[in-house]
C-alpha cells in the first residue's frame, strides 16, 4: 500500500515562505500526475496545484503567482514552494495523485499569522 508522507509545514508570518515536501517511500508515485491539496478548518479539501507527467503545472487562482509545484524525479519527491503567504493559506496540506486518489497521508500543517 502506498504511503504518502508530507513535511515542511510550520508557523510563519504573513509574507513569509515555506517549502513543502511529499514522498512516497518505496514507490514512484510522485512521478505521476500529482497535486497538492489543502483543507482549512470547516472547509472542504481543495486542489491547490498540480503537475502532470510532462511537467505542465496548474494552480488555483488563489495561489497563482505565489506557489510553485515541482518534483525531483531522482529523489521521488514532490515539492510546493509557497511564497508571499497569507493568513488565508492556513490549512493542512496534502499531496496525492490526481486521476486516482490514494490513501491520504497525515498532511502537514501550515499556519500563517497576520
Protein backbone atom coordinates (compact mmCIF):
# COMPACT_ATOMS: atom_id res chain seq x y z
CA UNK A 1 0.00 0.00 0.00
CA UNK A 2 1.36 3.38 -1.00
CA UNK A 3 2.05 5.73 1.88
CA UNK A 4 2.15 9.46 1.28
CA UNK A 5 4.30 11.48 3.66
CA UNK A 6 4.10 15.26 3.71
CA UNK A 7 6.52 17.52 5.57
CA UNK A 8 7.79 21.06 5.76
CA UNK A 9 4.85 22.86 7.29
CA UNK A 10 5.06 25.27 10.19
CA UNK A 11 4.15 28.63 11.60
CA UNK A 12 5.15 31.64 9.54
CA UNK A 13 4.26 35.31 9.44
CA UNK A 14 2.31 36.77 6.57
CA UNK A 15 4.63 37.44 3.66
CA UNK A 16 6.90 34.57 4.59
CA UNK A 17 7.77 31.39 2.72
CA UNK A 18 7.70 27.66 3.24
CA UNK A 19 8.63 24.67 1.11
CA UNK A 20 6.58 21.53 1.49
CA UNK A 21 7.82 18.08 0.50
CA UNK A 22 5.94 14.92 -0.34
CA UNK A 23 7.44 11.45 -0.54
CA UNK A 24 6.02 8.00 -1.17
CA UNK A 25 8.65 5.65 0.25
CA UNK A 26 9.20 2.56 -1.83
CA UNK A 27 7.09 3.93 -4.67
CA UNK A 28 7.49 6.10 -7.74
CA UNK A 29 4.02 7.55 -7.26
CA UNK A 30 5.31 11.12 -7.09
CA UNK A 31 6.35 10.82 -10.74
CA UNK A 32 2.69 10.52 -11.75
CA UNK A 33 0.11 13.25 -12.30
CA UNK A 34 0.28 14.72 -8.80
CA UNK A 35 -1.19 17.58 -6.85
CA UNK A 36 -1.08 19.44 -3.61
CA UNK A 37 -4.37 19.86 -1.81
CA UNK A 38 -5.28 21.76 1.31
CA UNK A 39 -8.06 21.74 3.84
CA UNK A 40 -8.76 24.68 6.09
CA UNK A 41 -10.86 24.32 9.25
CA UNK A 42 -14.52 24.00 8.39
CA UNK A 43 -13.86 23.89 4.67
CA UNK A 44 -13.68 21.21 2.03
CA UNK A 45 -10.39 19.95 0.74
CA UNK A 46 -9.34 21.84 -2.38
CA UNK A 47 -6.75 21.31 -5.08
CA UNK A 48 -4.05 23.95 -4.90
CA UNK A 49 -1.54 22.98 -7.58
CA UNK A 50 -0.93 20.09 -9.94
CA UNK A 51 1.87 18.82 -12.14
CA UNK A 52 1.42 16.23 -14.87
CA UNK A 53 3.90 13.69 -16.16
CA UNK A 54 5.08 16.17 -18.79
CA UNK A 55 5.85 18.78 -16.16
CA UNK A 56 2.92 21.02 -17.02
CA UNK A 57 1.56 22.82 -13.98
CA UNK A 58 -1.75 24.35 -12.96
CA UNK A 59 -2.69 26.44 -9.97
CA UNK A 60 -5.78 27.56 -8.16
CA UNK A 61 -6.41 31.25 -8.76
CA UNK A 62 -5.90 31.94 -5.07
CA UNK A 63 -2.25 30.85 -5.18
CA UNK A 64 -1.26 31.66 -8.73
CA UNK A 65 1.96 33.66 -8.82
CA UNK A 66 2.82 32.78 -5.22
CA UNK A 67 3.09 28.97 -5.16
CA UNK A 68 5.24 26.74 -7.33
CA UNK A 69 4.84 22.98 -7.64
CA UNK A 70 7.80 20.91 -8.75
CA UNK A 71 9.33 17.49 -8.34
CA UNK A 72 12.69 15.82 -8.20
CA UNK A 73 12.38 12.53 -10.04
CA UNK A 74 15.76 11.32 -8.80
CA UNK A 75 14.51 11.67 -5.24
CA UNK A 76 10.89 10.67 -5.97
CA UNK A 77 9.83 13.82 -4.15
CA UNK A 78 7.15 16.39 -4.87
CA UNK A 79 7.54 19.97 -3.64
CA UNK A 80 5.40 23.03 -3.10
CA UNK A 81 7.25 26.31 -2.75
CA UNK A 82 4.96 28.82 -1.09
CA UNK A 83 5.90 32.49 -1.11
CA UNK A 84 4.09 35.63 -0.01
CA UNK A 85 1.99 33.56 2.36
CA UNK A 86 -1.31 34.96 3.58
CA UNK A 87 -3.38 34.09 6.65
CA UNK A 88 -5.96 32.53 4.33
CA UNK A 89 -3.34 29.98 3.27
CA UNK A 90 -3.60 28.45 6.74
CA UNK A 91 -4.60 24.81 6.28
CA UNK A 92 -3.40 21.24 6.40
CA UNK A 93 -1.64 20.50 3.13
CA UNK A 94 -1.70 17.09 1.48
CA UNK A 95 -0.25 15.56 -1.64
CA UNK A 96 -1.96 12.93 -3.73
CA UNK A 97 -2.38 11.78 -7.27
CA UNK A 98 -4.96 13.49 -9.44
CA UNK A 99 -6.58 10.80 -11.57
CA UNK A 100 -6.62 8.07 -8.91
CA UNK A 101 -6.65 9.14 -5.29
CA UNK A 102 -4.58 7.06 -2.93
CA UNK A 103 -4.98 6.84 0.83
CA UNK A 104 -4.44 10.31 2.23
CA UNK A 105 -1.38 10.94 4.34
CA UNK A 106 -1.43 12.86 7.60
CA UNK A 107 -0.69 16.12 5.84
CA UNK A 108 1.44 18.97 7.13
CA UNK A 109 0.03 21.96 8.99
CA UNK A 110 0.71 25.42 7.61
CA UNK A 111 -0.23 28.34 9.84
CA UNK A 112 0.20 31.90 8.65
CA UNK A 113 -0.11 34.62 11.23
CA UNK A 114 -1.13 38.16 10.39
